[in-house]
N, C-alpha and C. Protein backbone atom coordinates (compact mmCIF):
# COMPACT_ATOMS: atom_id res chain seq x y z
N MET A 1 1.17 -0.95 0.32
CA MET A 1 0.19 0.08 -0.03
C MET A 1 1.03 1.29 0.03
N ALA A 2 2.00 1.14 0.66
CA ALA A 2 2.98 2.35 0.53
C ALA A 2 3.65 2.77 -0.35
N GLU A 3 3.79 1.80 -1.56
CA GLU A 3 4.45 1.73 -2.41
C GLU A 3 3.51 2.53 -3.68
N GLU A 4 2.26 1.90 -3.80
CA GLU A 4 0.77 2.67 -4.29
C GLU A 4 1.21 4.30 -4.13
N ALA A 5 1.15 4.45 -2.78
CA ALA A 5 0.92 5.72 -2.38
C ALA A 5 2.04 6.74 -2.66
N GLU A 6 3.38 5.96 -3.13
CA GLU A 6 4.90 6.65 -3.46
C GLU A 6 4.49 6.66 -4.75
N LYS A 7 3.99 5.87 -5.68
CA LYS A 7 3.48 5.61 -7.13
C LYS A 7 2.51 7.41 -7.53
N MET A 8 1.67 7.12 -6.58
CA MET A 8 0.55 8.16 -6.93
C MET A 8 0.94 9.65 -6.36
N GLY A 9 2.36 9.96 -6.01
CA GLY A 9 2.81 11.16 -5.54
C GLY A 9 1.95 11.52 -3.89
N MET A 10 1.94 10.88 -3.58
CA MET A 10 1.24 11.27 -2.19
C MET A 10 1.91 11.10 -1.03
N ILE A 11 2.85 10.78 -1.15
CA ILE A 11 4.12 10.55 -0.22
C ILE A 11 5.92 10.52 -0.87
N TYR A 12 6.70 11.15 -0.18
CA TYR A 12 7.80 11.55 -1.08
C TYR A 12 8.61 9.91 -1.24
N LYS A 13 8.76 9.13 0.11
CA LYS A 13 9.77 8.17 -0.57
C LYS A 13 9.23 7.42 0.54
N VAL A 14 9.20 5.78 0.03
CA VAL A 14 9.08 4.49 0.87
C VAL A 14 10.54 4.14 1.36
N VAL A 15 10.57 3.58 2.91
CA VAL A 15 12.03 3.46 2.90
C VAL A 15 11.81 2.34 4.11
N GLU A 16 12.41 1.36 4.19
CA GLU A 16 12.38 0.29 5.21
C GLU A 16 12.57 1.06 6.84
N ASP A 17 12.01 0.35 7.50
CA ASP A 17 12.30 0.71 9.07
C ASP A 17 13.67 1.19 9.91
N GLU A 18 14.50 -0.26 9.32
CA GLU A 18 16.04 0.15 9.76
C GLU A 18 16.67 1.12 9.31
N ASN A 19 15.89 1.96 8.01
CA ASN A 19 16.67 2.86 6.65
C ASN A 19 16.09 4.37 7.51
N LEU A 20 14.93 4.44 7.84
CA LEU A 20 14.01 5.43 8.54
C LEU A 20 15.24 6.57 8.69
N GLN A 21 15.96 6.46 9.78
CA GLN A 21 16.51 7.51 10.33
C GLN A 21 17.51 7.64 9.59
N ALA A 22 18.16 6.99 8.90
CA ALA A 22 19.56 7.44 8.08
C ALA A 22 18.86 8.34 6.84
N GLU A 23 17.58 8.02 6.54
CA GLU A 23 16.94 8.60 5.42
C GLU A 23 16.82 10.34 5.56
N GLY A 24 16.10 10.10 7.06
CA GLY A 24 15.69 11.18 7.56
C GLY A 24 16.59 12.59 7.65
N LEU A 25 17.86 11.75 8.06
CA LEU A 25 18.97 12.67 8.48
C LEU A 25 19.82 13.36 6.75
N LYS A 26 19.33 12.32 5.84
CA LYS A 26 19.53 13.39 4.62
C LYS A 26 18.83 14.02 4.00
N ILE A 27 17.16 13.94 4.37
CA ILE A 27 16.30 14.96 3.70
C ILE A 27 16.69 16.01 4.95
N ALA A 28 16.95 16.31 5.93
CA ALA A 28 17.58 17.43 7.02
C ALA A 28 19.06 18.31 6.73
N GLN A 29 19.57 17.42 6.41
CA GLN A 29 20.91 17.80 5.41
C GLN A 29 20.52 18.69 4.36
N LYS A 30 19.74 18.20 3.58
CA LYS A 30 19.37 18.86 1.97
C LYS A 30 18.84 19.48 2.28
N LEU A 31 18.15 20.20 3.80
CA LEU A 31 16.99 21.03 3.73
C LEU A 31 17.50 22.10 4.31
N ALA A 32 19.05 21.74 5.13
CA ALA A 32 19.81 22.75 5.54
C ALA A 32 21.06 23.52 4.60
N GLN A 33 20.99 22.93 3.57
CA GLN A 33 21.35 23.61 2.73
C GLN A 33 20.51 24.83 1.93
N MET A 34 19.26 24.39 2.30
CA MET A 34 18.56 25.40 0.98
C MET A 34 18.55 26.66 1.89
N PRO A 35 17.72 27.59 0.83
CA PRO A 35 17.57 28.75 2.08
C PRO A 35 16.19 28.98 2.67
N THR A 36 17.05 28.53 4.35
CA THR A 36 15.62 28.86 5.08
C THR A 36 14.55 29.86 5.18
N LYS A 37 15.23 30.93 5.07
CA LYS A 37 14.02 31.90 5.14
C LYS A 37 13.43 31.90 4.00
N GLY A 38 13.64 31.58 2.88
CA GLY A 38 12.50 31.25 1.91
C GLY A 38 11.47 30.10 2.29
N ILE A 39 12.00 28.65 2.95
CA ILE A 39 11.30 28.09 3.28
C ILE A 39 10.51 28.03 4.31
N GLY A 40 10.71 29.03 5.58
CA GLY A 40 9.94 29.51 6.02
C GLY A 40 9.00 30.20 5.71
N LEU A 41 8.99 31.10 4.79
CA LEU A 41 7.39 32.00 4.16
C LEU A 41 6.86 30.78 3.10
N THR A 42 7.60 29.64 2.86
CA THR A 42 6.48 28.71 1.97
C THR A 42 5.98 27.81 3.28
N LYS A 43 6.15 27.69 4.24
CA LYS A 43 5.49 27.03 5.37
C LYS A 43 4.36 28.13 6.06
N ARG A 44 5.00 29.12 6.01
CA ARG A 44 3.48 30.17 6.21
C ARG A 44 3.17 30.11 5.19
N LEU A 45 3.20 30.14 3.64
CA LEU A 45 1.69 30.25 3.02
C LEU A 45 1.35 28.89 3.40
N LEU A 46 1.76 27.65 3.10
CA LEU A 46 0.63 26.36 3.77
C LEU A 46 0.04 26.31 4.89
N ASN A 47 0.54 27.12 5.64
CA ASN A 47 -0.25 27.07 7.18
C ASN A 47 -1.39 27.95 6.29
N GLU A 48 -1.55 28.97 5.98
CA GLU A 48 -2.34 29.93 5.61
C GLU A 48 -3.63 29.39 4.56
N SER A 49 -3.03 28.48 4.06
CA SER A 49 -4.02 28.06 2.66
C SER A 49 -5.25 27.41 3.51
N TYR A 50 -5.31 27.31 4.47
CA TYR A 50 -6.16 26.11 5.03
C TYR A 50 -7.63 27.59 5.50
N ASN A 51 -6.72 28.61 5.51
CA ASN A 51 -7.96 29.19 5.96
C ASN A 51 -8.37 30.25 5.23
N ASN A 52 -7.32 30.26 3.87
CA ASN A 52 -7.90 31.32 2.83
C ASN A 52 -8.91 30.72 1.75
N THR A 53 -9.66 31.58 1.18
CA THR A 53 -9.95 31.45 -0.19
C THR A 53 -8.65 31.23 -1.39
N LEU A 54 -9.15 30.69 -2.35
CA LEU A 54 -8.22 31.15 -3.48
C LEU A 54 -7.69 32.40 -3.44
N GLU A 55 -8.58 33.26 -3.86
CA GLU A 55 -8.03 34.38 -3.96
C GLU A 55 -7.43 35.26 -3.02
N LYS A 56 -7.68 35.05 -1.72
CA LYS A 56 -6.80 35.29 -0.77
C LYS A 56 -5.61 35.03 -0.24
N GLN A 57 -5.23 33.33 -0.88
CA GLN A 57 -3.96 32.77 -0.84
C GLN A 57 -3.37 33.52 -1.71
N LEU A 58 -3.83 33.57 -3.29
CA LEU A 58 -3.07 34.28 -4.21
C LEU A 58 -2.23 35.44 -3.62
N GLU A 59 -3.42 36.64 -3.15
CA GLU A 59 -2.77 37.88 -3.07
C GLU A 59 -2.01 37.92 -1.73
N TYR A 60 -2.27 36.79 -0.84
CA TYR A 60 -0.51 36.37 -0.04
C TYR A 60 0.56 36.20 -0.57
N GLU A 61 0.25 34.87 -1.52
CA GLU A 61 1.59 34.44 -1.93
C GLU A 61 2.05 35.59 -2.97
N GLY A 62 1.62 36.44 -3.20
CA GLY A 62 2.14 37.57 -3.88
C GLY A 62 3.14 38.64 -2.99
N GLU A 63 2.27 38.46 -1.93
CA GLU A 63 3.34 39.86 -0.73
C GLU A 63 4.19 38.65 -0.50
N LEU A 64 3.83 37.28 -0.25
CA LEU A 64 5.40 37.01 0.49
C LEU A 64 6.37 36.66 -0.77
N GLN A 65 6.00 36.45 -1.76
CA GLN A 65 7.08 36.32 -3.01
C GLN A 65 7.89 37.76 -3.35
N PHE A 66 7.16 38.87 -3.32
CA PHE A 66 7.84 40.32 -3.02
C PHE A 66 9.14 40.30 -1.62
N GLU A 67 8.33 39.99 -0.58
CA GLU A 67 9.21 39.60 0.93
C GLU A 67 10.48 38.75 0.41
N ALA A 68 10.56 37.76 -0.28
CA ALA A 68 11.28 36.37 -0.39
C ALA A 68 12.57 37.32 -1.26
N SER A 69 11.69 38.09 -2.20
CA SER A 69 12.56 39.25 -3.26
C SER A 69 13.57 40.03 -2.63
N GLN A 70 13.24 40.18 -1.63
CA GLN A 70 14.09 41.35 -0.82
C GLN A 70 15.39 40.35 -0.05
N THR A 71 15.85 39.77 -0.27
CA THR A 71 16.78 38.58 1.10
C THR A 71 17.56 38.60 0.21
N TYR A 72 18.51 38.25 1.00
CA TYR A 72 20.24 38.17 1.00
C TYR A 72 19.93 36.62 -0.22
N ASP A 73 19.58 35.68 0.43
CA ASP A 73 19.38 34.45 0.42
C ASP A 73 18.67 34.32 -1.13
N TYR A 74 17.71 35.22 -1.49
CA TYR A 74 17.19 34.93 -3.10
C TYR A 74 17.79 35.75 -3.98
N ASN A 75 18.92 36.71 -3.62
CA ASN A 75 19.76 37.43 -4.32
C ASN A 75 21.04 36.54 -4.76
N GLU A 76 21.75 36.06 -3.55
CA GLU A 76 22.49 34.94 -3.17
C GLU A 76 21.80 33.72 -4.65
N GLY A 77 20.67 33.21 -4.44
CA GLY A 77 20.58 32.04 -5.16
C GLY A 77 20.48 32.18 -6.81
N VAL A 78 20.30 33.75 -6.96
CA VAL A 78 20.12 33.83 -8.31
C VAL A 78 21.14 34.50 -9.26
N ASN A 79 22.35 34.45 -8.26
CA ASN A 79 23.59 35.18 -8.47
C ASN A 79 24.15 33.42 -8.44
N ALA A 80 24.19 32.84 -7.62
CA ALA A 80 24.80 31.45 -7.70
C ALA A 80 24.30 30.90 -8.97
N PHE A 81 22.85 31.06 -9.75
CA PHE A 81 22.42 30.21 -10.57
C PHE A 81 22.76 30.64 -11.96
N LEU A 82 23.29 32.32 -11.96
CA LEU A 82 23.82 32.74 -13.04
C LEU A 82 25.50 32.67 -13.36
N GLU A 83 26.18 32.42 -12.54
CA GLU A 83 27.67 32.00 -11.91
C GLU A 83 27.84 30.75 -11.97
N LYS A 84 26.64 29.75 -12.31
CA LYS A 84 26.58 28.23 -12.79
C LYS A 84 27.56 27.44 -11.19
N ARG A 85 27.33 28.72 -10.02
CA ARG A 85 27.94 27.74 -8.55
C ARG A 85 26.64 27.46 -7.40
N GLN A 86 27.36 26.65 -6.36
CA GLN A 86 26.63 26.22 -5.72
C GLN A 86 26.32 27.39 -4.69
N PRO A 87 24.98 27.70 -4.09
CA PRO A 87 24.67 29.10 -3.44
C PRO A 87 25.61 28.79 -2.09
N ASN A 88 25.71 29.83 -1.44
CA ASN A 88 26.03 30.02 -0.02
C ASN A 88 24.76 30.48 0.73
N PHE A 89 23.78 29.73 0.82
CA PHE A 89 22.60 30.63 1.76
C PHE A 89 23.18 30.90 3.67
N LYS A 90 22.35 31.84 4.00
CA LYS A 90 22.85 32.44 5.17
C LYS A 90 21.39 32.52 6.13
N GLY A 91 20.24 32.35 5.31
CA GLY A 91 19.07 32.46 6.05
C GLY A 91 18.62 33.82 6.19
N GLU A 92 18.70 34.59 5.65
CA GLU A 92 18.75 36.58 5.69
C GLU A 92 18.11 36.39 3.95
């Protein structure tokens, strides 16, 4: 049943019990290398989506996209992409 949920995209990945901690750590390490400010803004959007209409949610998304575009990490991500290098995110 879990494998079917994975195929449908309902869950990210199925792992054996003995590999769960190692897989969780891999995901945590990957997330730690990402722009944490952007992840926090995304989390805010997801949390608000439970209470908003589609129109309100799209408006809120626009506001947070603007907020994200003013951050160091956004500019670092764009520059790293253009310079074909790994970004150095600071959570700012």
